Amino acid sequence: MNKRREEEAKLQQQQQEIMRVKLPRGNQSIGVVESRLGNGRMRVRCYDGKTRVCRIPGSMKRNLWVRENDVVLVEPWEYGGEEKGDVIYKYRPSQVEFLRRKGLIKEVTVDLEEF
């Protein structure tokens, strides 16, 4: 019985390692949603050290539901990229854990000291 549990645990671990996770390319950045501003816009703190006002593009508006403290993939705008961007992907909790293990993101918490 105990041996069976060990085999199941190994199988689960192997399945988690095979998971596909969308990684940032080019100027894309991973970020955490700080607050929702309304009208499909939100404030996202990116791991490149910038805070951007991001929107969900029209083609994804109905399919992508984002809340505060969600981890998202942000693509900065060509003009105004320091301040604005588009949310192009939302990571699931298992994907966030994978990114954390790989060292791409830090602990997902909102720092109250900055406010």
PDB file of N, CA and C in Angstrom:
ATOM      1  N   MET A   1       0.834  -1.198   0.000  1.00  0.00           N
ATOM      2  CA  MET A   1       0.000   0.000   0.000  1.00  0.00           C
ATOM      3  C   MET A   1       0.874   1.256   0.000  1.00  0.00           C
ATOM      4  N   ASN A   2       1.904   1.257   0.842  1.00  0.00           N
ATOM      5  CA  ASN A   2       2.795   2.411   0.943  1.00  0.00           C
ATOM      6  C   ASN A   2       3.599   2.585  -0.345  1.00  0.00           C
ATOM      7  N   LYS A   3       3.967   1.466  -0.948  1.00  0.00           N
ATOM      8  CA  LYS A   3       4.720   1.507  -2.198  1.00  0.00           C
ATOM      9  C   LYS A   3       3.879   2.111  -3.319  1.00  0.00           C
ATOM     10  N   ARG A   4       2.601   1.804  -3.296  1.00  0.00           N
ATOM     11  CA  ARG A   4       1.680   2.339  -4.305  1.00  0.00           C
ATOM     12  C   ARG A   4       1.581   3.863  -4.209  1.00  0.00           C
ATOM     13  N   ARG A   5       1.530   4.364  -3.003  1.00  0.00           N
ATOM     14  CA  ARG A   5       1.463   5.819  -2.799  1.00  0.00           C
ATOM     15  C   ARG A   5       2.720   6.506  -3.319  1.00  0.00           C
ATOM     16  N   GLU A   6       3.868   5.874  -3.077  1.00  0.00           N
ATOM     17  CA  GLU A   6       5.128   6.432  -3.564  1.00  0.00           C
ATOM     18  C   GLU A   6       5.141   6.493  -5.093  1.00  0.00           C
ATOM     19  N   GLU A   7       4.637   5.434  -5.741  1.00  0.00           N
ATOM     20  CA  GLU A   7       4.576   5.409  -7.203  1.00  0.00           C
ATOM     21  C   GLU A   7       3.641   6.497  -7.730  1.00  0.00           C
ATOM     22  N   GLU A   8       2.492   6.706  -7.059  1.00  0.00           N
ATOM     23  CA  GLU A   8       1.551   7.747  -7.459  1.00  0.00           C
ATOM     24  C   GLU A   8       2.175   9.131  -7.296  1.00  0.00           C
ATOM     25  N   ALA A   9       2.932   9.319  -6.213  1.00  0.00           N
ATOM     26  CA  ALA A   9       3.586  10.607  -5.981  1.00  0.00           C
ATOM     27  C   ALA A   9       4.620  10.881  -7.069  1.00  0.00           C
ATOM     28  N   LYS A  10       5.384   9.857  -7.466  1.00  0.00           N
ATOM     29  CA  LYS A  10       6.368  10.019  -8.545  1.00  0.00           C
ATOM     30  C   LYS A  10       5.681  10.353  -9.861  1.00  0.00           C
ATOM     31  N   LEU A  11       4.558   9.688 -10.126  1.00  0.00           N
ATOM     32  CA  LEU A  11       3.826   9.934 -11.361  1.00  0.00           C
ATOM     33  C   LEU A  11       3.295  11.365 -11.406  1.00  0.00           C
ATOM     34  N   GLN A  12       2.760  11.851 -10.285  1.00  0.00           N
ATOM     35  CA  GLN A  12       2.278  13.227 -10.212  1.00  0.00           C
ATOM     36  C   GLN A  12       3.413  14.215 -10.430  1.00  0.00           C
ATOM     37  N   GLN A  13       4.562  13.952  -9.847  1.00  0.00           N
ATOM     38  CA  GLN A  13       5.712  14.832  -9.993  1.00  0.00           C
ATOM     39  C   GLN A  13       6.172  14.878 -11.451  1.00  0.00           C
ATOM     40  N   GLN A  14       6.179  13.744 -12.128  1.00  0.00           N
ATOM     41  CA  GLN A  14       6.562  13.706 -13.533  1.00  0.00           C
ATOM     42  C   GLN A  14       5.569  14.472 -14.391  1.00  0.00           C
ATOM     43  N   GLN A  15       4.281  14.362 -14.088  1.00  0.00           N
ATOM     44  CA  GLN A  15       3.265  15.079 -14.850  1.00  0.00           C
ATOM     45  C   GLN A  15       3.408  16.582 -14.668  1.00  0.00           C
ATOM     46  N   GLN A  16       3.771  17.032 -13.484  1.00  0.00           N
ATOM     47  CA  GLN A  16       3.948  18.454 -13.232  1.00  0.00           C
ATOM     48  C   GLN A  16       5.155  18.998 -13.980  1.00  0.00           C
ATOM     49  N   GLU A  17       6.198  18.206 -14.129  1.00  0.00           N
ATOM     50  CA  GLU A  17       7.400  18.660 -14.809  1.00  0.00           C
ATOM     51  C   GLU A  17       7.180  18.802 -16.310  1.00  0.00           C
ATOM     52  N   ILE A  18       6.257  18.023 -16.869  1.00  0.00           N
ATOM     53  CA  ILE A  18       5.989  18.055 -18.304  1.00  0.00           C
ATOM     54  C   ILE A  18       5.159  19.285 -18.686  1.00  0.00           C
ATOM     55  N   MET A  19       4.530  19.939 -17.718  1.00  0.00           N
ATOM     56  CA  MET A  19       3.638  21.056 -17.964  1.00  0.00           C
ATOM     57  C   MET A  19       4.287  22.143 -18.831  1.00  0.00           C
ATOM     58  N   ARG A  20       3.512  22.692 -19.746  1.00  0.00           N
ATOM     59  CA  ARG A  20       3.988  23.777 -20.589  1.00  0.00           C
ATOM     60  C   ARG A  20       3.604  25.102 -19.959  1.00  0.00           C
ATOM     61  N   VAL A  21       4.562  25.972 -19.852  1.00  0.00           N
ATOM     62  CA  VAL A  21       4.335  27.290 -19.273  1.00  0.00           C
ATOM     63  C   VAL A  21       4.818  28.329 -20.267  1.00  0.00           C
ATOM     64  N   LYS A  22       3.987  29.320 -20.522  1.00  0.00           N
ATOM     65  CA  LYS A  22       4.358  30.394 -21.443  1.00  0.00           C
ATOM     66  C   LYS A  22       5.357  31.309 -20.739  1.00  0.00           C
ATOM     67  N   LEU A  23       6.549  31.411 -21.289  1.00  0.00           N
ATOM     68  CA  LEU A  23       7.606  32.228 -20.698  1.00  0.00           C
ATOM     69  C   LEU A  23       7.704  33.562 -21.427  1.00  0.00           C
ATOM     70  N   PRO A  24       8.200  34.603 -20.755  1.00  0.00           N
ATOM     71  CA  PRO A  24       8.340  35.906 -21.416  1.00  0.00           C
ATOM     72  C   PRO A  24       9.365  35.872 -22.537  1.00  0.00           C
ATOM     73  N   ARG A  25       9.040  36.529 -23.632  1.00  0.00           N
ATOM     74  CA  ARG A  25       9.952  36.634 -24.773  1.00  0.00           C
ATOM     75  C   ARG A  25      10.165  38.105 -25.094  1.00  0.00           C
ATOM     76  N   GLY A  26      11.339  38.431 -25.545  1.00  0.00           N
ATOM     77  CA  GLY A  26      11.625  39.806 -25.959  1.00  0.00           C
ATOM     78  C   GLY A  26      11.457  40.786 -24.811  1.00  0.00           C
ATOM     79  N   ASN A  27      10.559  41.753 -24.995  1.00  0.00           N
ATOM     80  CA  ASN A  27      10.367  42.776 -23.970  1.00  0.00           C
ATOM     81  C   ASN A  27       9.209  42.443 -23.030  1.00  0.00           C
ATOM     82  N   GLN A  28       8.618  41.251 -23.119  1.00  0.00           N
ATOM     83  CA  GLN A  28       7.529  40.862 -22.236  1.00  0.00           C
ATOM     84  C   GLN A  28       8.047  40.691 -20.818  1.00  0.00           C
ATOM     85  N   SER A  29       7.132  40.850 -19.845  1.00  0.00           N
ATOM     86  CA  SER A  29       7.509  40.765 -18.447  1.00  0.00           C
ATOM     87  C   SER A  29       6.402  40.087 -17.649  1.00  0.00           C
ATOM     88  N   ILE A  30       6.785  39.396 -16.591  1.00  0.00           N
ATOM     89  CA  ILE A  30       5.815  38.798 -15.681  1.00  0.00           C
ATOM     90  C   ILE A  30       5.483  39.834 -14.618  1.00  0.00           C
ATOM     91  N   GLY A  31       4.215  39.901 -14.220  1.00  0.00           N
ATOM     92  CA  GLY A  31       3.811  40.874 -13.213  1.00  0.00           C
ATOM     93  C   GLY A  31       2.670  40.356 -12.355  1.00  0.00           C
ATOM     94  N   VAL A  32       2.369  41.110 -11.289  1.00  0.00           N
ATOM     95  CA  VAL A  32       1.288  40.785 -10.370  1.00  0.00           C
ATOM     96  C   VAL A  32       0.279  41.926 -10.401  1.00  0.00           C
ATOM     97  N   VAL A  33      -1.003  41.589 -10.526  1.00  0.00           N
ATOM     98  CA  VAL A  33      -2.052  42.609 -10.572  1.00  0.00           C
ATOM     99  C   VAL A  33      -2.194  43.216  -9.187  1.00  0.00           C
ATOM    100  N   GLU A  34      -1.958  44.532  -9.089  1.00  0.00           N
ATOM    101  CA  GLU A  34      -2.098  45.239  -7.813  1.00  0.00           C
ATOM    102  C   GLU A  34      -3.540  45.633  -7.553  1.00  0.00           C
ATOM    103  N   SER A  35      -4.168  46.261  -8.548  1.00  0.00           N
ATOM    104  CA  SER A  35      -5.537  46.702  -8.373  1.00  0.00           C
ATOM    105  C   SER A  35      -6.226  46.796  -9.720  1.00  0.00           C
ATOM    106  N   ARG A  36      -7.538  46.648  -9.689  1.00  0.00           N
ATOM    107  CA  ARG A  36      -8.327  46.806 -10.900  1.00  0.00           C
ATOM    108  C   ARG A  36      -8.859  48.222 -10.932  1.00  0.00           C
ATOM    109  N   LEU A  37      -8.755  48.842 -12.091  1.00  0.00           N
ATOM    110  CA  LEU A  37      -9.135  50.245 -12.217  1.00  0.00           C
ATOM    111  C   LEU A  37     -10.473  50.428 -12.901  1.00  0.00           C
ATOM    112  N   GLY A  38     -11.047  49.373 -13.437  1.00  0.00           N
ATOM    113  CA  GLY A  38     -12.320  49.468 -14.149  1.00  0.00           C
ATOM    114  C   GLY A  38     -12.103  49.619 -15.637  1.00  0.00           C
ATOM    115  N   ASN A  39     -13.158  49.329 -16.397  1.00  0.00           N
ATOM    116  CA  ASN A  39     -13.142  49.460 -17.847  1.00  0.00           C
ATOM    117  C   ASN A  39     -12.056  48.594 -18.490  1.00  0.00           C
ATOM    118  N   GLY A  40     -11.806  47.411 -17.913  1.00  0.00           N
ATOM    119  CA  GLY A  40     -10.831  46.485 -18.483  1.00  0.00           C
ATOM    120  C   GLY A  40      -9.387  46.857 -18.228  1.00  0.00           C
ATOM    121  N   ARG A  41      -9.142  47.794 -17.326  1.00  0.00           N
ATOM    122  CA  ARG A  41      -7.773  48.220 -17.030  1.00  0.00           C
ATOM    123  C   ARG A  41      -7.397  47.810 -15.612  1.00  0.00           C
ATOM    124  N   MET A  42      -6.098  47.670 -15.400  1.00  0.00           N
ATOM    125  CA  MET A  42      -5.601  47.289 -14.081  1.00  0.00           C
ATOM    126  C   MET A  42      -4.179  47.798 -13.902  1.00  0.00           C
ATOM    127  N   ARG A  43      -3.767  47.933 -12.661  1.00  0.00           N
ATOM    128  CA  ARG A  43      -2.397  48.339 -12.342  1.00  0.00           C
ATOM    129  C   ARG A  43      -1.616  47.066 -12.043  1.00  0.00           C
ATOM    130  N   VAL A  44      -0.511  46.875 -12.782  1.00  0.00           N
ATOM    131  CA  VAL A  44       0.296  45.655 -12.658  1.00  0.00           C
ATOM    132  C   VAL A  44       1.712  46.034 -12.255  1.00  0.00           C
ATOM    133  N   ARG A  45       2.233  45.384 -11.207  1.00  0.00           N
ATOM    134  CA  ARG A  45       3.625  45.574 -10.796  1.00  0.00           C
ATOM    135  C   ARG A  45       4.439  44.486 -11.477  1.00  0.00           C
ATOM    136  N   CYS A  46       5.283  44.890 -12.414  1.00  0.00           N
ATOM    137  CA  CYS A  46       6.073  43.951 -13.209  1.00  0.00           C
ATOM    138  C   CYS A  46       7.396  43.652 -12.509  1.00  0.00           C
ATOM    139  N   TYR A  47       7.974  42.496 -12.829  1.00  0.00           N
ATOM    140  CA  TYR A  47       9.232  42.098 -12.215  1.00  0.00           C
ATOM    141  C   TYR A  47      10.434  42.779 -12.850  1.00  0.00           C
ATOM    142  N   ASP A  48      10.211  43.623 -13.847  1.00  0.00           N
ATOM    143  CA  ASP A  48      11.317  44.429 -14.364  1.00  0.00           C
ATOM    144  C   ASP A  48      11.437  45.747 -13.610  1.00  0.00           C
ATOM    145  N   GLY A  49      10.668  45.902 -12.505  1.00  0.00           N
ATOM    146  CA  GLY A  49      10.787  47.063 -11.635  1.00  0.00           C
ATOM    147  C   GLY A  49       9.838  48.203 -11.962  1.00  0.00           C
ATOM    148  N   LYS A  50       8.953  48.033 -12.922  1.00  0.00           N
ATOM    149  CA  LYS A  50       8.047  49.101 -13.320  1.00  0.00           C
ATOM    150  C   LYS A  50       6.615  48.730 -12.964  1.00  0.00           C
ATOM    151  N   THR A  51       5.813  49.755 -12.690  1.00  0.00           N
ATOM    152  CA  THR A  51       4.384  49.566 -12.471  1.00  0.00           C
ATOM    153  C   THR A  51       3.668  50.147 -13.671  1.00  0.00           C
ATOM    154  N   ARG A  52       2.854  49.327 -14.332  1.00  0.00           N
ATOM    155  CA  ARG A  52       2.188  49.749 -15.558  1.00  0.00           C
ATOM    156  C   ARG A  52       0.678  49.687 -15.394  1.00  0.00           C
ATOM    157  N   VAL A  53      -0.017  50.564 -16.112  1.00  0.00           N
ATOM    158  CA  VAL A  53      -1.454  50.481 -16.254  1.00  0.00           C
ATOM    159  C   VAL A  53      -1.689  49.638 -17.501  1.00  0.00           C
ATOM    160  N   CYS A  54      -2.274  48.465 -17.310  1.00  0.00           N
ATOM    161  CA  CYS A  54      -2.432  47.521 -18.411  1.00  0.00           C
ATOM    162  C   CYS A  54      -3.906  47.314 -18.725  1.00  0.00           C
ATOM    163  N   ARG A  55      -4.148  46.874 -19.945  1.00  0.00           N
ATOM    164  CA  ARG A  55      -5.506  46.567 -20.366  1.00  0.00           C
ATOM    165  C   ARG A  55      -5.515  45.181 -20.960  1.00  0.00           C
ATOM    166  N   ILE A  56      -6.722  44.619 -21.061  1.00  0.00           N
ATOM    167  CA  ILE A  56      -6.885  43.334 -21.727  1.00  0.00           C
ATOM    168  C   ILE A  56      -7.308  43.640 -23.155  1.00  0.00           C
ATOM    169  N   PRO A  57      -6.564  43.156 -24.151  1.00  0.00           N
ATOM    170  CA  PRO A  57      -6.924  43.445 -25.539  1.00  0.00           C
ATOM    171  C   PRO A  57      -8.334  42.945 -25.879  1.00  0.00           C
ATOM    172  N   GLY A  58      -8.957  43.583 -26.855  1.00  0.00           N
ATOM    173  CA  GLY A  58     -10.342  43.297 -27.212  1.00  0.00           C
ATOM    174  C   GLY A  58     -10.618  41.851 -27.556  1.00  0.00           C
ATOM    175  N   SER A  59      -9.693  41.181 -28.227  1.00  0.00           N
ATOM    176  CA  SER A  59      -9.929  39.792 -28.628  1.00  0.00           C
ATOM    177  C   SER A  59      -9.952  38.843 -27.437  1.00  0.00           C
ATOM    178  N   MET A  60      -9.406  39.266 -26.295  1.00  0.00           N
ATOM    179  CA  MET A  60      -9.325  38.400 -25.120  1.00  0.00           C
ATOM    180  C   MET A  60     -10.249  38.845 -23.994  1.00  0.00           C
ATOM    181  N   LYS A  61     -10.973  39.934 -24.168  1.00  0.00           N
ATOM    182  CA  LYS A  61     -11.760  40.507 -23.079  1.00  0.00           C
ATOM    183  C   LYS A  61     -12.771  39.540 -22.476  1.00  0.00           C
ATOM    184  N   ARG A  62     -13.435  38.760 -23.299  1.00  0.00           N
ATOM    185  CA  ARG A  62     -14.466  37.838 -22.806  1.00  0.00           C
ATOM    186  C   ARG A  62     -13.870  36.565 -22.208  1.00  0.00           C
ATOM    187  N   ASN A  63     -12.665  36.214 -22.599  1.00  0.00           N
ATOM    188  CA  ASN A  63     -12.076  34.940 -22.190  1.00  0.00           C
ATOM    189  C   ASN A  63     -11.130  35.039 -21.006  1.00  0.00           C
ATOM    190  N   LEU A  64     -10.597  36.208 -20.724  1.00  0.00           N
ATOM    191  CA  LEU A  64      -9.572  36.360 -19.689  1.00  0.00           C
ATOM    192  C   LEU A  64     -10.135  37.155 -18.514  1.00  0.00           C
ATOM    193  N   TRP A  65     -10.339  36.477 -17.390  1.00  0.00           N
ATOM    194  CA  TRP A  65     -10.847  37.129 -16.188  1.00  0.00           C
ATOM    195  C   TRP A  65      -9.702  37.241 -15.189  1.00  0.00           C
ATOM    196  N   VAL A  66      -9.399  38.470 -14.802  1.00  0.00           N
ATOM    197  CA  VAL A  66      -8.237  38.729 -13.957  1.00  0.00           C
ATOM    198  C   VAL A  66      -8.693  39.386 -12.663  1.00  0.00           C
ATOM    199  N   ARG A  67      -8.112  38.936 -11.549  1.00  0.00           N
ATOM    200  CA  ARG A  67      -8.391  39.507 -10.229  1.00  0.00           C
ATOM    201  C   ARG A  67      -7.095  40.032  -9.631  1.00  0.00           C
ATOM    202  N   GLU A  68      -7.216  40.691  -8.488  1.00  0.00           N
ATOM    203  CA  GLU A  68      -6.029  41.189  -7.788  1.00  0.00           C
ATOM    204  C   GLU A  68      -5.179  40.007  -7.334  1.00  0.00           C
ATOM    205  N   ASN A  69      -3.859  40.212  -7.329  1.00  0.00           N
ATOM    206  CA  ASN A  69      -2.844  39.234  -6.938  1.00  0.00           C
ATOM    207  C   ASN A  69      -2.701  38.070  -7.917  1.00  0.00           C
ATOM    208  N   ASP A  70      -3.306  38.168  -9.102  1.00  0.00           N
ATOM    209  CA  ASP A  70      -3.070  37.173 -10.141  1.00  0.00           C
ATOM    210  C   ASP A  70      -1.732  37.460 -10.810  1.00  0.00           C
ATOM    211  N   VAL A  71      -1.044  36.408 -11.234  1.00  0.00           N
ATOM    212  CA  VAL A  71       0.224  36.558 -11.943  1.00  0.00           C
ATOM    213  C   VAL A  71      -0.081  36.521 -13.433  1.00  0.00           C
ATOM    214  N   VAL A  72       0.385  37.547 -14.148  1.00  0.00           N
ATOM    215  CA  VAL A  72       0.065  37.700 -15.562  1.00  0.00           C
ATOM    216  C   VAL A  72       1.334  37.967 -16.370  1.00  0.00           C
ATOM    217  N   LEU A  73       1.215  37.783 -17.678  1.00  0.00           N
ATOM    218  CA  LEU A  73       2.289  38.105 -18.612  1.00  0.00           C
ATOM    219  C   LEU A  73       1.911  39.399 -19.309  1.00  0.00           C
ATOM    220  N   VAL A  74       2.797  40.392 -19.233  1.00  0.00           N
ATOM    221  CA  VAL A  74       2.524  41.735 -19.747  1.00  0.00           C
ATOM    222  C   VAL A  74       3.429  42.024 -20.938  1.00  0.00           C
ATOM    223  N   GLU A  75       2.829  42.592 -21.985  1.00  0.00           N
ATOM    224  CA  GLU A  75       3.612  43.060 -23.123  1.00  0.00           C
ATOM    225  C   GLU A  75       3.516  44.580 -23.162  1.00  0.00           C
ATOM    226  N   PRO A  76       4.616  45.300 -22.906  1.00  0.00           N
ATOM    227  CA  PRO A  76       4.581  46.763 -22.915  1.00  0.00           C
ATOM    228  C   PRO A  76       4.242  47.306 -24.303  1.00  0.00           C
ATOM    229  N   TRP A  77       3.605  48.459 -24.308  1.00  0.00           N
ATOM    230  CA  TRP A  77       3.277  49.115 -25.579  1.00  0.00           C
ATOM    231  C   TRP A  77       4.548  49.609 -26.239  1.00  0.00           C
ATOM    232  N   GLU A  78       4.484  49.721 -27.558  1.00  0.00           N
ATOM    233  CA  GLU A  78       5.631  50.227 -28.300  1.00  0.00           C
ATOM    234  C   GLU A  78       5.912  51.679 -27.927  1.00  0.00           C
ATOM    235  N   TYR A  79       4.845  52.466 -27.814  1.00  0.00           N
ATOM    236  CA  TYR A  79       4.962  53.854 -27.356  1.00  0.00           C
ATOM    237  C   TYR A  79       4.336  53.926 -25.980  1.00  0.00           C
ATOM    238  N   GLY A  80       5.044  54.473 -25.019  1.00  0.00           N
ATOM    239  CA  GLY A  80       4.537  54.541 -23.649  1.00  0.00           C
ATOM    240  C   GLY A  80       4.711  53.229 -22.914  1.00  0.00           C
ATOM    241  N   GLY A  81       5.668  52.409 -23.318  1.00  0.00           N
ATOM    242  CA  GLY A  81       5.886  51.094 -22.716  1.00  0.00           C
ATOM    243  C   GLY A  81       6.345  51.142 -21.276  1.00  0.00           C
ATOM    244  N   GLU A  82       6.871  52.287 -20.843  1.00  0.00           N
ATOM    245  CA  GLU A  82       7.287  52.412 -19.444  1.00  0.00           C
ATOM    246  C   GLU A  82       6.072  52.496 -18.524  1.00  0.00           C
ATOM    247  N   GLU A  83       4.950  52.987 -19.050  1.00  0.00           N
ATOM    248  CA  GLU A  83       3.773  53.231 -18.217  1.00  0.00           C
ATOM    249  C   GLU A  83       2.581  52.361 -18.571  1.00  0.00           C
ATOM    250  N   LYS A  84       2.505  51.831 -19.803  1.00  0.00           N
ATOM    251  CA  LYS A  84       1.314  51.120 -20.256  1.00  0.00           C
ATOM    252  C   LYS A  84       1.683  49.804 -20.916  1.00  0.00           C
ATOM    253  N   GLY A  85       0.713  48.879 -20.943  1.00  0.00           N
ATOM    254  CA  GLY A  85       0.942  47.589 -21.578  1.00  0.00           C
ATOM    255  C   GLY A  85      -0.340  46.801 -21.715  1.00  0.00           C
ATOM    256  N   ASP A  86      -0.224  45.615 -22.300  1.00  0.00           N
ATOM    257  CA  ASP A  86      -1.345  44.702 -22.488  1.00  0.00           C
ATOM    258  C   ASP A  86      -1.101  43.432 -21.691  1.00  0.00           C
ATOM    259  N   VAL A  87      -2.162  42.912 -21.075  1.00  0.00           N
ATOM    260  CA  VAL A  87      -2.096  41.619 -20.401  1.00  0.00           C
ATOM    261  C   VAL A  87      -2.400  40.576 -21.468  1.00  0.00           C
ATOM    262  N   ILE A  88      -1.443  39.688 -21.726  1.00  0.00           N
ATOM    263  CA  ILE A  88      -1.640  38.721 -22.800  1.00  0.00           C
ATOM    264  C   ILE A  88      -1.832  37.290 -22.292  1.00  0.00           C
ATOM    265  N   TYR A  89      -1.587  37.044 -20.998  1.00  0.00           N
ATOM    266  CA  TYR A  89      -1.743  35.690 -20.477  1.00  0.00           C
ATOM    267  C   TYR A  89      -1.883  35.740 -18.961  1.00  0.00           C
ATOM    268  N   LYS A  90      -2.704  34.863 -18.418  1.00  0.00           N
ATOM    269  CA  LYS A  90      -2.855  34.726 -16.963  1.00  0.00           C
ATOM    270  C   LYS A  90      -2.369  33.335 -16.570  1.00  0.00           C
ATOM    271  N   TYR A  91      -1.461  33.274 -15.592  1.00  0.00           N
ATOM    272  CA  TYR A  91      -0.900  32.010 -15.143  1.00  0.00           C
ATOM    273  C   TYR A  91      -1.826  31.335 -14.138  1.00  0.00           C
ATOM    274  N   ARG A  92      -1.946  30.027 -14.243  1.00  0.00           N
ATOM    275  CA  ARG A  92      -2.704  29.228 -13.280  1.00  0.00           C
ATOM    276  C   ARG A  92      -1.833  28.986 -12.052  1.00  0.00           C
ATOM    277  N   PRO A  93      -2.442  28.596 -10.913  1.00  0.00           N
ATOM    278  CA  PRO A  93      -1.639  28.383  -9.693  1.00  0.00           C
ATOM    279  C   PRO A  93      -0.519  27.362  -9.862  1.00  0.00           C
ATOM    280  N   SER A  94      -0.753  26.281 -10.591  1.00  0.00           N
ATOM    281  CA  SER A  94       0.305  25.286 -10.784  1.00  0.00           C
ATOM    282  C   SER A  94       1.440  25.866 -11.630  1.00  0.00           C
ATOM    283  N   GLN A  95       1.106  26.730 -12.587  1.00  0.00           N
ATOM    284  CA  GLN A  95       2.128  27.365 -13.412  1.00  0.00           C
ATOM    285  C   GLN A  95       2.929  28.377 -12.597  1.00  0.00           C
ATOM    286  N   VAL A  96       2.254  29.083 -11.671  1.00  0.00           N
ATOM    287  CA  VAL A  96       2.952  30.023 -10.794  1.00  0.00           C
ATOM    288  C   VAL A  96       3.960  29.289  -9.930  1.00  0.00           C
ATOM    289  N   GLU A  97       3.562  28.134  -9.425  1.00  0.00           N
ATOM    290  CA  GLU A  97       4.478  27.333  -8.610  1.00  0.00           C
ATOM    291  C   GLU A  97       5.681  26.878  -9.438  1.00  0.00           C
ATOM    292  N   PHE A  98       5.451  26.499 -10.691  1.00  0.00           N
ATOM    293  CA  PHE A  98       6.539  26.103 -11.586  1.00  0.00           C
ATOM    294  C   PHE A  98       7.503  27.269 -11.809  1.00  0.00           C
ATOM    295  N   LEU A  99       6.961  28.471 -12.054  1.00  0.00           N
ATOM    296  CA  LEU A  99       7.799  29.660 -12.263  1.00  0.00           C
ATOM    297  C   LEU A  99       8.604  29.994 -11.008  1.00  0.00           C
ATOM    298  N   ARG A 100       7.989  29.810  -9.850  1.00  0.00           N
ATOM    299  CA  ARG A 100       8.677  30.082  -8.586  1.00  0.00           C
ATOM    300  C   ARG A 100       9.829  29.102  -8.378  1.00  0.00           C
ATOM    301  N   ARG A 101       9.596  27.827  -8.698  1.00  0.00           N
ATOM    302  CA  ARG A 101      10.661  26.821  -8.557  1.00  0.00           C
ATOM    303  C   ARG A 101      11.816  27.105  -9.503  1.00  0.00           C
ATOM    304  N   LYS A 102      11.525  27.595 -10.703  1.00  0.00           N
ATOM    305  CA  LYS A 102      12.569  27.898 -11.681  1.00  0.00           C
ATOM    306  C   LYS A 102      13.280  29.215 -11.382  1.00  0.00           C
ATOM    307  N   GLY A 103      12.760  29.998 -10.434  1.00  0.00           N
ATOM    308  CA  GLY A 103      13.411  31.244 -10.045  1.00  0.00           C
ATOM    309  C   GLY A 103      13.047  32.430 -10.913  1.00  0.00           C
ATOM    310  N   LEU A 104      11.994  32.316 -11.726  1.00  0.00           N
ATOM    311  CA  LEU A 104      11.594  33.425 -12.581  1.00  0.00           C
ATOM    312  C   LEU A 104      10.771  34.468 -11.841  1.00  0.00           C
ATOM    313  N   ILE A 105      10.109  34.057 -10.764  1.00  0.00           N
ATOM    314  CA  ILE A 105       9.346  35.016  -9.960  1.00  0.00           C
ATOM    315  C   ILE A 105       9.681  34.809  -8.498  1.00  0.00           C
ATOM    316  N   LYS A 106       9.447  35.869  -7.726  1.00  0.00           N
ATOM    317  CA  LYS A 106       9.647  35.794  -6.290  1.00  0.00           C
ATOM    318  C   LYS A 106       8.307  35.462  -5.641  1.00  0.00           C
ATOM    319  N   GLU A 107       8.266  35.494  -4.339  1.00  0.00           N
ATOM    320  CA  GLU A 107       7.028  35.235  -3.619  1.00  0.00           C
ATOM    321  C   GLU A 107       5.973  36.254  -4.046  1.00  0.00           C
ATOM    322  N   VAL A 108       4.762  35.788  -4.312  1.00  0.00           N
ATOM    323  CA  VAL A 108       3.691  36.664  -4.790  1.00  0.00           C
ATOM    324  C   VAL A 108       2.959  37.237  -3.588  1.00  0.00           C
ATOM    325  N   THR A 109       3.392  38.404  -3.144  1.00  0.00           N
ATOM    326  CA  THR A 109       2.711  39.110  -2.069  1.00  0.00           C
ATOM    327  C   THR A 109       2.751  40.596  -2.367  1.00  0.00           C
ATOM    328  N   VAL A 110       1.801  41.305  -1.818  1.00  0.00           N
ATOM    329  CA  VAL A 110       1.786  42.750  -1.981  1.00  0.00           C
ATOM    330  C   VAL A 110       2.485  43.356  -0.777  1.00  0.00           C
ATOM    331  N   ASP A 111       3.502  44.171  -1.026  1.00  0.00           N
ATOM    332  CA  ASP A 111       4.247  44.798   0.055  1.00  0.00           C
ATOM    333  C   ASP A 111       3.468  45.990   0.595  1.00  0.00           C
ATOM    334  N   LEU A 112       3.072  45.910   1.861  1.00  0.00           N
ATOM    335  CA  LEU A 112       2.303  46.992   2.463  1.00  0.00           C
ATOM    336  C   LEU A 112       3.192  48.167   2.845  1.00  0.00           C
ATOM    337  N   GLU A 113       4.506  47.954   2.935  1.00  0.00           N
ATOM    338  CA  GLU A 113       5.418  49.012   3.334  1.00  0.00           C
ATOM    339  C   GLU A 113       5.493  50.111   2.276  1.00  0.00           C
ATOM    340  N   GLU A 114       5.241  49.765   1.021  1.00  0.00           N
ATOM    341  CA  GLU A 114       5.365  50.740  -0.055  1.00  0.00           C
ATOM    342  C   GLU A 114       4.182  51.698  -0.122  1.00  0.00           C
ATOM    343  N   PHE A 115       3.073  51.340   0.533  1.00  0.00           N
ATOM    344  CA  PHE A 115       1.880  52.179   0.417  1.00  0.00           C
ATOM    345  C   PHE A 115       1.778  53.145   1.520  1.00  0.00           C
TER     346      PHE A 115
END
